Protein backbone atom coordinates (compact mmCIF):
# COMPACT_ATOMS: atom_id res chain seq x y z
CA MET A 1 0.00 0.00 0.00
CA ILE A 2 1.06 3.62 -0.42
CA ASP A 3 0.29 6.64 1.69
CA LEU A 4 -1.14 9.92 0.41
CA THR A 5 2.18 11.76 0.59
CA GLN A 6 3.80 9.16 -1.62
CA ALA A 7 0.87 9.28 -4.02
CA ILE A 8 1.09 13.07 -4.28
CA GLU A 9 4.84 13.10 -4.89
CA PHE A 10 4.57 10.20 -7.35
CA THR A 11 8.35 10.02 -7.77
CA SER A 12 11.30 11.31 -5.83
CA VAL A 13 14.05 10.82 -8.41
CA LYS A 14 14.19 12.08 -11.95
CA VAL A 15 14.97 9.13 -14.18
CA LYS A 16 16.00 9.09 -17.83
CA GLY A 17 16.12 6.23 -20.27
CA LEU A 18 14.59 4.55 -23.28
CA PHE A 19 11.26 3.63 -21.68
CA GLN A 20 10.77 7.05 -20.12
CA LYS A 21 11.40 8.65 -23.52
CA LEU A 22 8.81 6.35 -25.08
CA ARG A 23 6.34 7.22 -22.38
CA ARG A 24 7.02 10.96 -22.55
CA TYR A 25 6.89 11.31 -26.33
CA GLY A 26 3.95 8.93 -26.59
CA GLY A 27 2.10 10.91 -23.94
CA TRP A 28 2.63 14.22 -25.71
CA PHE A 29 1.51 12.68 -29.00
CA LEU A 30 -1.71 11.40 -27.42
CA LEU A 31 -2.35 14.77 -25.77
CA VAL A 32 -1.93 16.64 -29.05
CA LEU A 33 -4.19 14.11 -30.77
CA PHE A 34 -6.88 14.41 -28.09
CA ALA A 35 -6.77 18.20 -28.06
CA GLY A 36 -6.56 18.66 -31.82
CA ILE A 37 -9.25 16.35 -33.16
CA PRO A 38 -12.28 18.52 -32.17
CA TRP A 39 -10.74 21.49 -34.03
CA ILE A 40 -10.36 19.64 -37.33
CA PRO A 41 -12.99 21.00 -39.76
CA PHE A 42 -14.82 18.85 -42.28
CA GLY A 43 -17.13 20.74 -44.59
CA GLU A 44 -19.36 23.03 -42.54
CA ARG A 45 -18.81 21.26 -39.20
CA GLN A 46 -16.05 19.64 -37.19
CA ALA A 47 -14.75 16.28 -38.35
CA ILE A 48 -15.83 14.31 -35.26
CA LEU A 49 -18.99 15.42 -33.47
CA LEU A 50 -21.07 13.09 -31.30
CA ASP A 51 -24.26 15.12 -31.25
CA ILE A 52 -26.36 13.28 -28.67
CA GLY A 53 -29.15 15.87 -28.72
CA SER A 54 -29.71 15.42 -32.45
CA GLN A 55 -28.91 11.68 -32.25
CA GLN A 56 -26.26 12.08 -34.95
CA PHE A 57 -22.69 10.80 -34.64
CA ASN A 58 -20.49 12.36 -37.29
CA PHE A 59 -17.13 10.84 -38.21
CA PHE A 60 -15.65 12.87 -41.08
CA GLY A 61 -17.82 11.91 -44.08
CA THR A 62 -19.95 9.34 -42.24
CA THR A 63 -22.99 10.06 -40.09
CA LEU A 64 -24.31 7.33 -37.82
CA TYR A 65 -27.70 7.23 -36.11
CA PRO A 66 -29.03 5.23 -33.15
CA GLN A 67 -30.01 2.36 -35.42
CA ASP A 68 -26.33 2.10 -36.47
CA LEU A 69 -25.02 1.84 -32.92
CA THR A 70 -24.27 -1.85 -33.29
CA LEU A 71 -21.05 -0.40 -34.73
CA LEU A 72 -20.40 1.27 -31.38
CA ALA A 73 -21.00 -2.01 -29.55
CA LEU A 74 -18.55 -3.76 -31.88
CA LEU A 75 -16.03 -0.96 -31.33
CA PHE A 76 -16.26 -1.44 -27.55
CA MET A 77 -15.80 -5.19 -27.96
CA ILE A 78 -12.77 -4.62 -30.19
CA ALA A 79 -11.30 -2.32 -27.54
CA ALA A 80 -11.99 -4.88 -24.81
CA PHE A 81 -10.45 -7.83 -26.62
CA GLY A 82 -7.59 -5.64 -27.79
CA LEU A 83 -6.88 -4.82 -24.15
CA PHE A 84 -7.15 -8.52 -23.20
CA PHE A 85 -4.73 -9.45 -26.00
CA ILE A 86 -2.17 -6.76 -25.12
CA THR A 87 -2.41 -7.57 -21.40
CA THR A 88 -1.87 -11.28 -21.97
CA PHE A 89 1.13 -10.52 -24.17
CA LEU A 90 2.75 -7.45 -22.57
CA GLY A 91 1.11 -7.03 -19.18
CA ARG A 92 -0.10 -3.61 -18.06
CA VAL A 93 1.58 -1.54 -20.75
CA TRP A 94 -1.75 0.25 -21.26
CA CYS A 95 -1.47 1.61 -17.74
CA GLY A 96 2.17 2.55 -18.06
CA TYR A 97 2.10 4.26 -21.45
CA LEU A 98 -1.41 4.97 -22.76
CA CYS A 99 -3.86 5.39 -19.87
CA PRO A 100 -5.17 9.00 -19.61
CA GLN A 101 -4.53 8.93 -15.86
CA THR A 102 -0.85 8.22 -16.52
CA VAL A 103 -0.52 10.70 -19.39
CA TRP A 104 -2.17 13.59 -17.53
CA THR A 105 -0.31 12.82 -14.30
CA PHE A 106 3.07 13.02 -15.99
CA MET A 107 2.06 16.25 -17.71
CA TYR A 108 1.16 17.72 -14.33
CA ILE A 109 4.46 16.48 -12.89
CA TRP A 110 6.34 18.13 -15.75
CA PHE A 111 4.87 21.53 -14.82
CA GLU A 112 5.44 20.82 -11.14
CA GLU A 113 9.13 20.07 -11.66
CA LYS A 114 9.64 23.08 -13.91
CA LEU A 115 8.06 25.48 -11.40
CA GLU A 116 9.02 23.96 -8.04
CA GLY A 117 11.87 21.58 -8.72
CA SER A 118 12.31 17.86 -8.07
CA ALA A 119 10.30 15.96 -5.47
CA ASN A 120 13.21 16.00 -2.97
CA LYS A 121 13.55 19.75 -3.40
CA ARG A 122 9.81 20.22 -2.94
CA ARG A 123 9.84 18.22 0.29
CA LYS A 124 12.67 20.32 1.64
CA GLN A 125 10.87 23.55 0.66
CA ASP A 126 7.60 22.41 2.19
CA SER A 127 9.27 21.52 5.49
CA GLY A 128 10.75 25.01 5.78
CA LYS A 129 9.32 28.50 6.00
CA LEU A 130 6.69 29.50 3.44
CA THR A 131 8.31 32.39 1.57
CA LYS A 132 6.80 34.79 -0.93
CA HIS A 133 8.93 33.22 -3.65
CA LEU A 134 7.58 29.75 -2.82
CA ILE A 135 3.99 31.04 -2.69
CA TRP A 136 4.50 32.60 -6.12
CA ARG A 137 5.85 29.33 -7.57
CA LYS A 138 3.08 27.25 -6.03
CA GLY A 139 0.50 29.71 -7.33
CA LEU A 140 1.89 29.46 -10.85
CA LYS A 141 1.87 25.66 -10.60
CA HIS A 142 -1.78 25.49 -9.57
CA LEU A 143 -2.68 28.09 -12.19
CA ALA A 144 -1.03 25.90 -14.83
CA TRP A 145 -2.82 22.84 -13.46
CA LEU A 146 -6.18 24.62 -13.55
CA GLY A 147 -5.51 25.86 -17.09
CA ILE A 148 -4.78 22.30 -18.26
CA ALA A 149 -7.86 21.02 -16.43
CA LEU A 150 -10.10 23.66 -18.03
CA ALA A 151 -8.65 22.96 -21.48
CA THR A 152 -9.29 19.24 -20.90
CA GLY A 153 -12.90 19.95 -19.93
CA PHE A 154 -13.46 22.07 -23.04
CA THR A 155 -11.83 19.47 -25.28
CA PHE A 156 -13.83 16.55 -23.90
CA VAL A 157 -17.18 18.37 -24.10
CA GLY A 158 -16.10 19.60 -27.56
CA TYR A 159 -16.52 16.06 -28.86
CA PHE A 160 -20.25 16.33 -28.07
CA VAL A 161 -20.92 20.05 -28.62
CA PRO A 162 -19.41 22.17 -31.45
CA VAL A 163 -16.20 23.24 -29.77
CA LYS A 164 -15.84 26.67 -31.38
CA SER A 165 -19.28 27.85 -30.32
CA LEU A 166 -18.76 26.21 -26.90
CA VAL A 167 -15.63 28.27 -26.19
CA VAL A 168 -17.19 31.51 -27.44
CA ASP A 169 -20.44 30.99 -25.53
CA PHE A 170 -18.61 29.99 -22.34
CA PHE A 171 -16.47 33.12 -22.17
CA THR A 172 -19.27 35.45 -23.29
CA TRP A 173 -21.67 34.01 -20.67
CA ASN A 174 -24.07 32.77 -23.35
CA ALA A 175 -23.61 29.04 -22.75
CA THR A 176 -26.48 27.00 -21.34
CA PHE A 177 -26.27 25.21 -18.00
CA TRP A 178 -25.34 21.68 -19.04
CA PRO A 179 -22.34 22.43 -21.28
CA VAL A 180 -20.92 24.68 -18.55
CA PHE A 181 -21.59 22.04 -15.90
CA TRP A 182 -19.81 19.29 -17.83
CA VAL A 183 -16.83 21.50 -18.71
CA LEU A 184 -16.36 22.38 -15.03
CA PHE A 185 -17.06 18.79 -13.92
CA PHE A 186 -14.38 17.28 -16.15
CA ALA A 187 -11.99 20.11 -15.32
CA GLY A 188 -12.46 19.38 -11.62
CA CYS A 189 -11.93 15.64 -12.16
CA THR A 190 -8.74 16.28 -14.14
CA TYR A 191 -7.35 18.64 -11.49
CA ALA A 192 -8.13 16.22 -8.65
CA ASN A 193 -6.99 13.03 -10.39
CA ALA A 194 -3.77 14.24 -12.04
CA GLY A 195 -2.83 16.87 -9.49
CA TRP A 196 -3.61 15.22 -6.17
CA MET A 197 -4.81 11.62 -6.33
CA ARG A 198 -2.45 10.32 -9.01
CA SER A 199 -1.41 6.74 -8.18
CA ILE A 200 -4.28 6.40 -5.68
CA VAL A 201 -6.55 6.08 -8.72
CA CYS A 202 -4.32 3.36 -10.20
CA VAL A 203 -3.96 1.34 -7.01
CA HIS A 204 -7.29 1.76 -5.21
CA MET A 205 -9.90 2.89 -7.76
CA CYS A 206 -9.09 1.38 -11.16
CA PRO A 207 -10.92 -1.95 -11.71
CA TYR A 208 -8.37 -3.02 -14.32
CA ALA A 209 -5.78 -3.51 -11.58
CA ARG A 210 -8.11 -6.04 -9.97
CA PHE A 211 -9.02 -8.28 -12.92
CA GLN A 212 -5.75 -8.09 -14.88
CA SER A 213 -4.41 -11.17 -13.07
CA ALA A 214 -7.03 -13.29 -14.86
CA MET A 215 -5.23 -12.53 -18.14
CA PHE A 216 -1.68 -13.02 -16.87
CA ASP A 217 0.24 -16.27 -17.18
CA LYS A 218 3.89 -17.20 -16.77
CA ASP A 219 4.60 -16.25 -20.38
CA THR A 220 3.23 -12.70 -20.04
CA PHE A 221 5.92 -10.04 -20.37
CA ILE A 222 6.22 -8.17 -17.10
CA VAL A 223 8.74 -5.91 -15.41
CA GLY A 224 10.81 -8.41 -13.44
CA TYR A 225 13.88 -8.50 -11.22
CA ASP A 226 16.49 -11.19 -11.89
CA THR A 227 16.86 -12.64 -8.37
CA LYS A 228 19.61 -15.11 -9.32
CA ARG A 229 21.77 -12.33 -10.67
CA GLY A 230 20.90 -9.63 -8.16
CA GLU A 231 21.04 -11.46 -4.81
CA ALA A 232 22.54 -11.06 -2.35
CA ARG A 233 22.13 -7.31 -2.28
CA GLY A 234 24.53 -4.89 -0.71
CA PRO A 235 26.48 -1.65 -1.22
CA ARG A 236 30.02 -1.74 -2.50
CA SER A 237 32.52 0.46 -4.32
CA ARG A 238 32.72 0.39 -8.10
CA LYS A 239 36.16 -1.18 -7.95
CA ALA A 240 35.13 -4.02 -5.65
CA ASP A 241 34.50 -7.50 -7.06
CA PRO A 242 30.99 -8.51 -5.96
CA LYS A 243 31.80 -12.22 -6.21
CA GLN A 244 34.60 -11.89 -3.66
CA LEU A 245 32.20 -10.07 -1.34
CA GLY A 246 29.53 -12.74 -1.86
CA LEU A 247 27.16 -10.20 -3.41
CA GLY A 248 25.01 -10.08 -6.52
CA ASP A 249 24.73 -7.15 -8.92
CA CYS A 250 22.06 -5.28 -6.90
CA ILE A 251 23.78 -2.60 -4.80
CA ASP A 252 20.56 -1.96 -2.84
CA CYS A 253 20.39 1.70 -3.87
CA ASP A 254 16.56 1.63 -3.75
CA LEU A 255 16.30 3.86 -6.85
CA CYS A 256 13.89 1.34 -8.37
CA VAL A 257 11.55 1.94 -5.42
CA GLN A 258 11.95 5.72 -5.43
CA VAL A 259 11.05 6.11 -9.11
CA CYS A 260 8.10 3.71 -8.99
CA PRO A 261 4.82 5.60 -9.59
CA THR A 262 2.94 3.28 -7.21
CA GLY A 263 5.72 2.96 -4.62
CA ILE A 264 6.32 -0.78 -4.82
CA ASP A 265 9.60 -2.68 -4.68
CA ILE A 266 9.84 -4.71 -7.88
CA ARG A 267 12.45 -6.91 -6.19
CA ASP A 268 9.66 -8.41 -4.10
CA GLY A 269 8.19 -10.04 -7.22
CA LEU A 270 5.14 -9.43 -9.38
CA GLN A 271 2.54 -7.19 -7.71
CA TYR A 272 -0.80 -5.97 -9.02
CA GLU A 273 0.21 -2.34 -8.38
CA CYS A 274 2.93 -2.53 -11.07
CA ILE A 275 1.86 -0.62 -14.20
CA ASN A 276 4.73 -1.86 -16.44
CA CYS A 277 5.95 1.70 -17.05
CA GLY A 278 9.63 0.71 -17.06
CA ALA A 279 10.76 3.53 -14.74
CA CYS A 280 12.55 1.05 -12.49
CA ILE A 281 14.26 -0.49 -15.54
CA ASP A 282 15.72 2.85 -16.60
CA ALA A 283 16.77 3.67 -13.04
CA CYS A 284 18.46 0.30 -12.58
CA ASN A 285 20.18 0.53 -15.96
CA GLN A 286 21.61 3.90 -14.94
CA THR A 287 23.01 2.29 -11.78
CA MET A 288 24.41 -0.66 -13.72
CA ASP A 289 26.14 1.76 -16.11
CA ARG A 290 27.73 3.65 -13.22
CA MET A 291 28.90 0.42 -11.62
CA GLY A 292 30.17 -1.02 -14.90
CA TYR A 293 27.77 -3.99 -14.75
CA GLU A 294 25.65 -5.45 -17.52
CA ARG A 295 22.24 -3.87 -18.00
CA GLY A 296 19.01 -5.80 -17.55
CA LEU A 297 19.00 -6.65 -13.84
CA ILE A 298 15.44 -5.32 -13.97
CA ASN A 299 13.91 -5.77 -17.40
CA TYR A 300 10.84 -6.73 -19.39
CA THR A 301 10.78 -10.49 -19.02
CA THR A 302 8.48 -13.39 -18.13
CA GLU A 303 8.13 -15.55 -15.05
CA HIS A 304 9.19 -18.58 -17.08
CA ARG A 305 12.33 -16.80 -18.24
CA LEU A 306 13.16 -15.73 -14.67
CA GLU A 307 12.83 -19.38 -13.64
CA GLY A 308 15.23 -20.43 -16.39
CA HIS A 309 12.57 -21.88 -18.71
CA HIS A 310 11.64 -21.10 -22.31
CA THR A 311 8.99 -18.43 -22.95
CA HIS A 312 6.10 -19.56 -25.17
CA ILE A 313 4.88 -16.61 -27.22
CA MET A 314 2.23 -18.44 -29.26
CA ARG A 315 0.02 -20.06 -26.64
CA PRO A 316 -3.71 -20.95 -26.61
CA LYS A 317 -4.88 -18.02 -24.47
CA LEU A 318 -3.09 -15.40 -26.60
CA LEU A 319 -4.18 -17.04 -29.85
CA GLY A 320 -7.75 -17.21 -28.59
CA TYR A 321 -7.87 -13.50 -27.75
CA GLY A 322 -6.20 -12.72 -31.08
CA ALA A 323 -8.71 -14.81 -33.04
CA VAL A 324 -11.70 -13.19 -31.36
CA LEU A 325 -10.15 -9.76 -31.92
CA LEU A 326 -9.71 -10.43 -35.63
CA VAL A 327 -13.29 -11.70 -35.93
CA MET A 328 -14.58 -8.54 -34.20
CA ILE A 329 -12.52 -6.31 -36.47
CA GLY A 330 -13.80 -8.19 -39.51
CA LEU A 331 -17.42 -7.82 -38.37
CA PHE A 332 -16.85 -4.13 -37.72
CA PHE A 333 -15.64 -3.45 -41.25
CA VAL A 334 -18.45 -5.55 -42.71
CA GLN A 335 -20.92 -3.45 -40.73
CA VAL A 336 -19.25 -0.21 -41.81
CA ALA A 337 -19.41 -1.30 -45.45
CA SER A 338 -23.09 -2.18 -45.10
CA VAL A 339 -24.17 1.11 -43.49
CA ASP A 340 -26.88 2.52 -45.73
CA PRO A 341 -26.51 6.13 -46.97
CA ALA A 342 -30.17 6.70 -46.16
CA GLY A 343 -32.74 5.40 -43.73
CA LEU A 344 -36.49 4.88 -43.92
CA SER A 345 -38.99 4.07 -41.21
CA VAL A 346 -42.78 3.86 -41.44
CA LEU A 347 -45.30 4.71 -38.74
CA ARG A 348 -48.98 3.93 -39.26
CA ASP A 349 -51.68 6.26 -37.96
CA ARG A 350 -52.83 4.57 -34.72
CA ASN A 351 -55.83 6.84 -34.19
CA GLN A 352 -57.66 5.79 -37.36
CA LEU A 353 -56.59 2.47 -38.90
CA PHE A 354 -58.55 3.07 -42.11
CA ARG A 355 -61.29 5.23 -43.58
CA THR A 356 -63.31 5.58 -46.79
CA ASN A 357 -62.46 8.76 -48.70
CA ASN A 358 -64.61 10.80 -51.09
CA SER A 359 -63.54 8.66 -54.04
CA GLY A 360 -64.84 5.49 -52.36
CA GLU A 361 -61.32 4.21 -51.73
CA ILE A 362 -60.10 2.59 -48.55
CA GLU A 363 -57.46 4.99 -47.25
CA ASN A 364 -54.63 4.31 -44.75
CA THR A 365 -52.47 7.10 -43.36
CA TYR A 366 -48.72 6.82 -42.62
CA THR A 367 -45.81 8.96 -41.56
CA LEU A 368 -42.58 8.20 -43.40
CA LYS A 369 -39.34 9.20 -41.68
CA VAL A 370 -36.48 9.65 -44.17
CA ILE A 371 -32.89 10.14 -42.96
CA ASN A 372 -30.12 11.43 -45.20
CA LYS A 373 -26.90 9.96 -43.74
CA THR A 374 -24.62 11.47 -46.37
CA GLN A 375 -22.90 14.87 -46.36
CA GLN A 376 -24.65 16.05 -49.57
CA VAL A 377 -28.17 17.13 -50.43
CA GLN A 378 -30.04 14.10 -51.77
CA GLN A 379 -33.21 13.69 -53.83
CA TYR A 380 -35.24 10.57 -53.16
CA THR A 381 -38.19 8.88 -54.85
CA LEU A 382 -40.83 7.02 -52.84
CA ASP A 383 -43.05 4.20 -54.03
CA VAL A 384 -45.09 1.28 -52.68
CA GLU A 385 -45.36 -2.38 -53.69
CA GLY A 386 -47.90 -5.06 -52.76
CA LEU A 387 -51.03 -3.23 -53.87
CA SER A 388 -52.57 -2.87 -57.33
CA ASP A 389 -54.05 0.36 -58.66
CA VAL A 390 -53.00 2.34 -55.57
CA SER A 391 -53.40 6.10 -55.17
CA TRP A 392 -50.56 7.97 -53.42
CA TYR A 393 -51.66 11.07 -51.54
CA GLY A 394 -48.59 13.16 -50.74
CA ARG A 395 -45.13 13.87 -52.15
CA GLN A 396 -43.31 11.03 -53.89
CA THR A 397 -40.18 13.03 -54.73
CA ILE A 398 -38.43 14.72 -51.83
CA GLN A 399 -35.19 16.60 -51.21
CA VAL A 400 -33.38 16.03 -47.93
CA ASP A 401 -30.44 18.04 -46.59
CA PRO A 402 -27.30 16.37 -45.17
CA GLY A 403 -28.05 14.79 -41.80
CA GLU A 404 -31.70 15.87 -41.96
CA VAL A 405 -34.52 13.68 -40.66
CA LEU A 406 -37.61 14.44 -42.75
CA ASN A 407 -41.07 13.46 -41.50
CA LEU A 408 -43.46 13.00 -44.43
CA PRO A 409 -47.21 12.46 -43.73
CA MET A 410 -48.95 10.65 -46.60
CA SER A 411 -51.84 8.31 -47.39
CA LEU A 412 -52.56 5.36 -49.66
CA GLY A 413 -55.95 4.84 -51.29
CA VAL A 414 -57.12 1.54 -52.81
CA ASN A 415 -60.36 0.43 -54.44
CA PRO A 416 -61.86 -2.03 -51.90
CA GLU A 417 -62.79 -4.46 -54.70
CA THR A 418 -59.10 -5.07 -55.48
CA LEU A 419 -58.27 -6.08 -51.92
CA ASP A 420 -58.40 -9.84 -51.34
CA SER A 421 -57.90 -9.83 -47.57
CA PRO A 422 -58.64 -7.53 -44.62
CA VAL A 423 -54.89 -6.92 -44.05
CA SER A 424 -52.36 -6.70 -46.88
CA THR A 425 -48.57 -6.73 -46.53
CA ILE A 426 -46.93 -3.86 -48.42
CA GLN A 427 -43.41 -2.54 -48.99
CA PHE A 428 -42.49 1.13 -49.01
CA ILE A 429 -39.54 1.74 -51.37
CA LEU A 430 -37.02 4.59 -51.10
CA SER A 431 -34.53 5.10 -53.96
CA ASP A 432 -32.05 7.74 -55.06
CA SER A 433 -30.22 8.68 -58.26
CA GLN A 434 -27.23 6.45 -57.33
CA ASP A 435 -29.27 3.22 -57.65
CA PHE A 436 -29.53 2.89 -53.87
CA THR A 437 -32.82 1.30 -52.74
CA ILE A 438 -34.21 0.50 -49.33
CA SER A 439 -37.56 -1.09 -48.47
CA VAL A 440 -39.58 -1.20 -45.26
CA GLU A 441 -42.50 -3.55 -44.63
CA SER A 442 -45.85 -2.28 -43.37
CA ARG A 443 -49.56 -3.17 -43.48
CA PHE A 444 -52.61 -1.89 -45.37
CA ILE A 445 -55.85 -2.50 -43.49
CA LYS A 446 -59.22 -2.86 -45.21
CA LYS A 447 -61.30 -3.79 -42.18
CA LEU A 448 -60.90 -5.27 -38.71
């Protein structure tokens, strides 16, 4: 377990190395991607806009509607099985390199170190007298944190509300309650999680830390300590021969513990708090370089390899997750390819199932709902099949704007002598100039 002070400090030693570079550059890339996507224009709107109020989900040139949300379910399943596959293969690398909690926390730490210094320096400052200079630095730090939090809130809400109008309305006091509430809510969560709670979220609140062990096996790549090589531990000079002293390569400097985001000692073996970030690897490699020893005392490895056995990469569990993942991806692209550029639904008039009009025809009334899912104005033609000598009362040629949902009231009239049964099955047909056709089944009622 870790205490709150340790969670707030997150790390007491600045560590450099390959894995920290990967994490730092990867984190900045993800941040730029997250912040930039809502500002990318596409036509007359932003490229990605999940407009819940209008029930339209725009992805560049594609607009999805609630009836297309099986795609969203497939996307979630792909993400889930992708996480299962990666975890079985490489452990908790998601937590160490890609998780928003990790990315935002390290961004906050970057500002903290630039404005207040390293964690050891901050502890020393905090234990002394609170000077004006320190108050000024702390104020700048929290101002930077709050600015990042507010920008995060705007960006996240900007995926659901047009971001340009959101920013303008917010700062001109013209925004409505809910957009303002969600911007401030997510800003507050960001400030609390990345600024104060940090590894507490990873260790005590994240459910992934609890169920990840179900996906681990002895061939999963984890951050591991080579006990055979490292023990027995003990300090020594660089010139001393560890074998003559009866020592292993570990000099017991505890840097691996000090740099660990969750405060664990990797030398105690695999623990669920480990997020596979590689900070302890880089710290240990720095120590090995200074001592003139071979790198890799702490490294990405497997339990089988640590025990001296062969690591099996291709194993049933990993292949199973991979197979399901490929099937889900295949289904997703099949669904994407089969998304219709237009939608049609038919609603019968429930108040009056049928009536006899002035021409002596049996008349049924319907409301046709036509959805244009493309990004261009479309002209559609409507028709009906299943009835002979039918009269169409209403428009049969319509023009629908991009993303528009057009409600079209209309009626069908039929000579009662041509109807063979009290209820006839009919098909409403919608077609466009690109040879696209969609049909929806309904009923024509002659009598009860």
